Amino acid sequence: MIAGKLAKKFALVSCVALFQACGASAEPDLSGVWLPDIKDQKRQETANMPPWKAEILKQVQHLIAEEKAGRPFLVLSHCLPHGMPSWMLMTHNAFELLSTPGRITMLGEADGNRMRRIYLDGRKLPEDPDPSLHGYSVGHWDGDTLVVDTAAIVPQAYIAISEAVGIPSNGDMHVVERIHLAEPNVMHDDLTITAPNVLTETWKTTRIFRRYPDRHYEITEGECEQEDVVPGKDEHGNDVFVSNPQGAYGTVHTAK
């Protein structure tokens, strides 16, 4: 009888301890479809300008003037993905967050191929990565905040403050995000962006996203017809993609 009571008491204590442990480590639910706060994005175009280097600022001012004159530069050209950190800085489309064991996946709507993986399985940033527009992202939970470290971003990826104003990072860019819920359906992404080739110092900005409240909204499929592009330089020496020469029948002509 005594042994039975002790067993029951031990089982109860174990359940309580397990419940408390689970509650203490519970992670916020970030899944669902999120819409950017475009009004705040527009505000930050002038209120929180990146600390551009002097020679880069001249390019930015020219892009701003061209946009005002009705000749906007298309940051999102050739159907390329937004890339990081532009996806989080100036997107006007919805995106979906999928939470699965060891990973969060971001799926973008329209504007070409947009899929970003954030690995939460304890891995480190690779020592010899294959650079990409979205880079390589690893993350961990710091309480109720998701901390994401992104590197291995191609130099052609833009730091864009609008769809008409953006400059390629020109390499060596590093992005750290602290993503958390300010309200049940309001998500803040605190970005810290280091890009030594175009910025004088680290730039910090917070972007706001709102979850579609009814959770039945589905993102749509984007279509885009892309031409062939290759790495190149623009007139300022920035790393960009340029059109690849075409053969007589529309095929890529590669010089041997």
Protein backbone atom coordinates (compact mmCIF):
# COMPACT_ATOMS: atom_id res chain seq x y z
CA MET A 1 0.00 0.00 0.00
CA ILE A 2 2.77 2.42 0.99
CA ALA A 3 4.77 1.46 -2.09
CA GLY A 4 1.74 2.09 -4.25
CA LYS A 5 1.17 5.57 -2.76
CA LEU A 6 4.84 6.44 -3.21
CA ALA A 7 4.71 5.31 -6.85
CA LYS A 8 1.64 7.46 -7.51
CA LYS A 9 3.25 10.46 -5.78
CA PHE A 10 6.46 10.01 -7.78
CA ALA A 11 4.46 9.77 -11.02
CA LEU A 12 2.54 12.96 -10.16
CA VAL A 13 5.71 14.87 -9.35
CA SER A 14 7.30 13.66 -12.59
CA CYS A 15 4.30 14.81 -14.63
CA VAL A 16 4.32 18.23 -12.98
CA ALA A 17 8.05 18.60 -13.56
CA LEU A 18 7.66 17.54 -17.19
CA PHE A 19 4.80 19.99 -17.69
CA GLN A 20 6.79 22.84 -16.16
CA ALA A 21 9.81 22.01 -18.28
CA CYS A 22 7.74 21.94 -21.43
CA GLY A 23 6.01 25.17 -20.49
CA ALA A 24 9.28 26.90 -19.75
CA SER A 25 10.72 25.99 -23.16
CA ALA A 26 7.56 26.49 -25.20
CA GLU A 27 8.34 28.33 -28.40
CA PRO A 28 6.00 30.89 -29.97
CA ASP A 29 3.95 29.74 -32.94
CA LEU A 30 5.24 31.68 -35.97
CA SER A 31 3.43 29.55 -38.53
CA GLY A 32 0.91 31.08 -40.90
CA VAL A 33 0.74 33.72 -43.62
CA TRP A 34 2.31 37.08 -42.85
CA LEU A 35 1.73 40.46 -44.49
CA PRO A 36 4.35 43.23 -44.31
CA ASP A 37 3.57 46.63 -42.77
CA ILE A 38 4.13 48.60 -45.99
CA LYS A 39 3.34 51.95 -44.34
CA ASP A 40 6.21 51.43 -41.90
CA GLN A 41 8.48 50.27 -44.72
CA LYS A 42 7.80 53.54 -46.56
CA ARG A 43 8.47 55.53 -43.38
CA GLN A 44 11.86 53.90 -42.92
CA GLU A 45 12.94 54.72 -46.49
CA THR A 46 13.75 58.21 -45.23
CA ALA A 47 13.65 57.89 -41.42
CA ASN A 48 16.17 55.07 -41.16
CA MET A 49 18.48 55.22 -44.16
CA PRO A 50 21.38 52.74 -44.17
CA PRO A 51 24.78 54.31 -43.38
CA TRP A 52 25.99 54.22 -46.98
CA LYS A 53 29.58 54.95 -47.86
CA ALA A 54 30.04 58.32 -49.60
CA GLU A 55 30.50 56.85 -53.08
CA ILE A 56 27.51 54.53 -52.56
CA LEU A 57 25.31 57.37 -51.28
CA LYS A 58 25.75 59.16 -54.61
CA GLN A 59 24.36 56.11 -56.38
CA VAL A 60 21.43 55.93 -53.94
CA GLN A 61 20.61 59.62 -54.43
CA HIS A 62 20.64 59.10 -58.20
CA LEU A 63 18.22 56.17 -57.88
CA ILE A 64 15.89 58.25 -55.69
CA ALA A 65 15.95 61.09 -58.23
CA GLU A 66 15.26 58.68 -61.10
CA GLU A 67 12.26 57.25 -59.24
CA LYS A 68 10.84 60.73 -58.62
CA ALA A 69 11.32 61.53 -62.32
CA GLY A 70 9.25 58.50 -63.28
CA ARG A 71 12.21 56.34 -64.31
CA PRO A 72 12.44 53.83 -61.43
CA PHE A 73 15.27 51.32 -61.37
CA LEU A 74 13.95 47.76 -61.08
CA VAL A 75 15.69 46.22 -58.10
CA LEU A 76 13.83 42.95 -58.68
CA SER A 77 14.91 42.30 -62.25
CA HIS A 78 15.48 39.13 -64.28
CA CYS A 79 12.94 37.29 -62.06
CA LEU A 80 15.59 36.79 -59.42
CA PRO A 81 14.53 36.19 -55.80
CA HIS A 82 14.59 39.14 -53.42
CA GLY A 83 17.54 37.62 -51.62
CA MET A 84 18.63 38.58 -48.14
CA PRO A 85 18.16 40.99 -46.55
CA SER A 86 15.88 42.59 -49.16
CA TRP A 87 13.14 40.01 -48.67
CA MET A 88 12.66 41.18 -45.10
CA LEU A 89 13.27 44.87 -45.88
CA MET A 90 11.00 45.79 -48.79
CA THR A 91 8.73 42.95 -49.81
CA HIS A 92 5.14 43.93 -50.63
CA ASN A 93 3.86 40.37 -50.92
CA ALA A 94 2.65 37.88 -48.37
CA PHE A 95 4.84 35.00 -47.24
CA GLU A 96 4.12 31.82 -45.35
CA LEU A 97 6.11 30.43 -42.42
CA LEU A 98 6.15 26.66 -42.04
CA SER A 99 7.44 25.24 -38.75
CA THR A 100 8.73 21.66 -38.91
CA PRO A 101 11.12 19.76 -36.61
CA GLY A 102 14.55 21.36 -36.86
CA ARG A 103 13.62 23.95 -39.45
CA ILE A 104 11.49 26.96 -40.34
CA THR A 105 10.78 27.46 -44.04
CA MET A 106 9.71 30.75 -45.59
CA LEU A 107 7.67 30.53 -48.79
CA GLY A 108 7.20 33.72 -50.77
CA GLU A 109 4.33 34.82 -52.97
CA ALA A 110 5.00 36.05 -56.52
CA ASP A 111 8.17 37.84 -57.68
CA GLY A 112 9.89 34.66 -58.77
CA ASN A 113 11.47 31.90 -56.68
CA ARG A 114 11.41 32.76 -52.99
CA MET A 115 12.13 30.02 -50.48
CA ARG A 116 14.30 30.44 -47.44
CA ARG A 117 15.36 27.76 -44.97
CA ILE A 118 16.29 28.54 -41.36
CA TYR A 119 17.89 25.50 -39.73
CA LEU A 120 17.18 24.99 -36.02
CA ASP A 121 18.81 21.58 -35.57
CA GLY A 122 21.94 22.87 -33.87
CA ARG A 123 24.16 23.00 -36.94
CA LYS A 124 26.71 25.78 -37.41
CA LEU A 125 27.25 27.97 -40.44
CA PRO A 126 29.22 25.92 -42.99
CA GLU A 127 32.93 26.67 -43.33
CA ASP A 128 32.85 26.23 -47.11
CA PRO A 129 29.29 27.15 -48.18
CA ASP A 130 27.77 27.50 -51.61
CA PRO A 131 26.72 31.19 -51.66
CA SER A 132 23.18 32.02 -52.74
CA LEU A 133 20.86 35.01 -52.89
CA HIS A 134 19.16 34.03 -49.63
CA GLY A 135 22.38 32.86 -48.04
CA TYR A 136 22.66 30.13 -45.41
CA SER A 137 20.62 30.64 -42.23
CA VAL A 138 20.94 28.90 -38.88
CA GLY A 139 18.92 29.82 -35.83
CA HIS A 140 18.18 29.11 -32.20
CA TRP A 141 15.62 30.17 -29.62
CA ASP A 142 16.62 32.72 -26.99
CA GLY A 143 13.57 32.54 -24.78
CA ASP A 144 10.66 33.56 -26.99
CA THR A 145 12.94 35.19 -29.60
CA LEU A 146 14.20 33.39 -32.69
CA VAL A 147 17.81 34.43 -33.36
CA VAL A 148 18.87 33.85 -36.97
CA ASP A 149 22.42 34.10 -38.31
CA THR A 150 22.74 34.40 -42.11
CA ALA A 151 25.93 34.36 -44.16
CA ALA A 152 27.13 33.00 -47.54
CA ILE A 153 25.13 35.63 -49.44
CA VAL A 154 26.21 36.29 -53.03
CA PRO A 155 27.65 39.78 -53.68
CA GLN A 156 24.85 40.45 -56.19
CA ALA A 157 22.21 40.38 -53.42
CA TYR A 158 20.82 43.88 -52.88
CA ILE A 159 20.39 45.92 -49.74
CA ALA A 160 17.14 47.48 -50.94
CA ILE A 161 15.16 50.16 -49.15
CA SER A 162 12.42 50.16 -51.81
CA GLU A 163 11.58 48.45 -55.08
CA ALA A 164 13.44 51.22 -56.94
CA VAL A 165 16.34 51.95 -54.58
CA GLY A 166 18.91 49.31 -53.72
CA ILE A 167 22.63 48.61 -53.96
CA PRO A 168 24.36 45.21 -54.25
CA SER A 169 26.18 44.23 -51.09
CA ASN A 170 29.36 43.53 -53.11
CA GLY A 171 30.22 40.64 -50.80
CA ASP A 172 31.10 39.87 -47.17
CA MET A 173 27.59 40.65 -45.93
CA HIS A 174 26.36 39.22 -42.63
CA VAL A 175 22.80 39.45 -41.29
CA VAL A 176 21.57 38.70 -37.77
CA GLU A 177 17.84 38.73 -37.01
CA ARG A 178 15.91 38.61 -33.75
CA ILE A 179 12.36 37.59 -34.61
CA HIS A 180 9.66 37.76 -31.96
CA LEU A 181 5.95 38.32 -31.47
CA ALA A 182 5.10 41.81 -30.25
CA GLU A 183 1.44 40.72 -30.16
CA PRO A 184 -0.18 37.35 -30.95
CA ASN A 185 -0.47 38.26 -34.64
CA VAL A 186 2.23 40.94 -34.93
CA MET A 187 5.81 39.87 -35.63
CA HIS A 188 8.89 42.08 -35.38
CA ASP A 189 12.12 41.27 -37.18
CA ASP A 190 15.05 43.18 -35.66
CA LEU A 191 17.78 43.10 -38.31
CA THR A 192 21.46 43.86 -37.82
CA ILE A 193 23.19 44.11 -41.20
CA THR A 194 26.95 44.26 -41.71
CA ALA A 195 28.11 45.00 -45.28
CA PRO A 196 31.62 46.49 -45.11
CA ASN A 197 31.88 47.10 -48.86
CA VAL A 198 28.92 49.49 -49.02
CA LEU A 199 28.12 50.56 -45.42
CA THR A 200 30.26 52.65 -43.08
CA GLU A 201 28.95 50.76 -40.04
CA THR A 202 26.48 48.10 -39.01
CA TRP A 203 22.87 49.05 -39.82
CA LYS A 204 19.95 48.18 -37.56
CA THR A 205 16.30 48.23 -38.55
CA THR A 206 13.06 46.59 -37.37
CA ARG A 207 10.45 45.37 -39.85
CA ILE A 208 6.85 44.62 -38.88
CA PHE A 209 4.66 41.81 -40.20
CA ARG A 210 1.04 40.96 -39.41
CA ARG A 211 -0.40 37.47 -39.48
CA TYR A 212 -3.52 36.93 -41.54
CA PRO A 213 -6.00 36.66 -38.65
CA ASP A 214 -8.33 33.92 -39.91
CA ARG A 215 -5.44 31.66 -40.95
CA HIS A 216 -7.21 30.41 -44.04
CA TYR A 217 -5.38 32.66 -46.51
CA GLU A 218 -3.11 30.82 -48.94
CA ILE A 219 -0.21 32.36 -50.84
CA THR A 220 -0.43 32.21 -54.62
CA GLU A 221 2.03 30.87 -57.15
CA GLY A 222 4.18 33.43 -58.92
CA GLU A 223 5.17 33.07 -62.55
CA CYS A 224 8.06 34.79 -64.27
CA GLU A 225 9.87 34.35 -67.58
CA GLN A 226 13.57 34.72 -66.93
CA GLU A 227 16.33 35.42 -69.41
CA ASP A 228 19.83 34.05 -69.04
CA VAL A 229 22.06 36.10 -66.78
CA VAL A 230 25.68 35.84 -65.67
CA PRO A 231 27.72 37.62 -62.97
CA GLY A 232 29.09 40.99 -64.07
CA LYS A 233 29.75 44.59 -63.05
CA ASP A 234 27.75 47.79 -63.53
CA GLU A 235 29.23 51.20 -64.37
CA HIS A 236 30.02 51.79 -60.69
CA GLY A 237 31.86 48.51 -60.25
CA ASN A 238 29.05 46.92 -58.23
CA ASP A 239 28.50 43.17 -58.48
CA VAL A 240 25.38 42.58 -60.57
CA PHE A 241 23.92 40.05 -63.00
CA VAL A 242 24.03 40.96 -66.70
CA SER A 243 22.36 39.43 -69.74
CA ASN A 244 24.16 36.48 -71.24
CA PRO A 245 24.81 36.73 -75.02
CA GLN A 246 22.29 34.74 -77.02
CA GLY A 247 22.78 32.66 -80.11
CA ALA A 248 20.78 32.98 -83.34
CA TYR A 249 18.06 30.68 -82.02
CA GLY A 250 17.77 32.12 -78.53
CA THR A 251 20.25 29.76 -76.97
CA VAL A 252 23.05 30.92 -74.73
CA HIS A 253 26.23 31.64 -76.64
CA THR A 254 29.21 30.83 -74.46
CA ALA A 255 32.65 31.96 -75.55
CA LYS A 256 35.19 29.17 -75.41
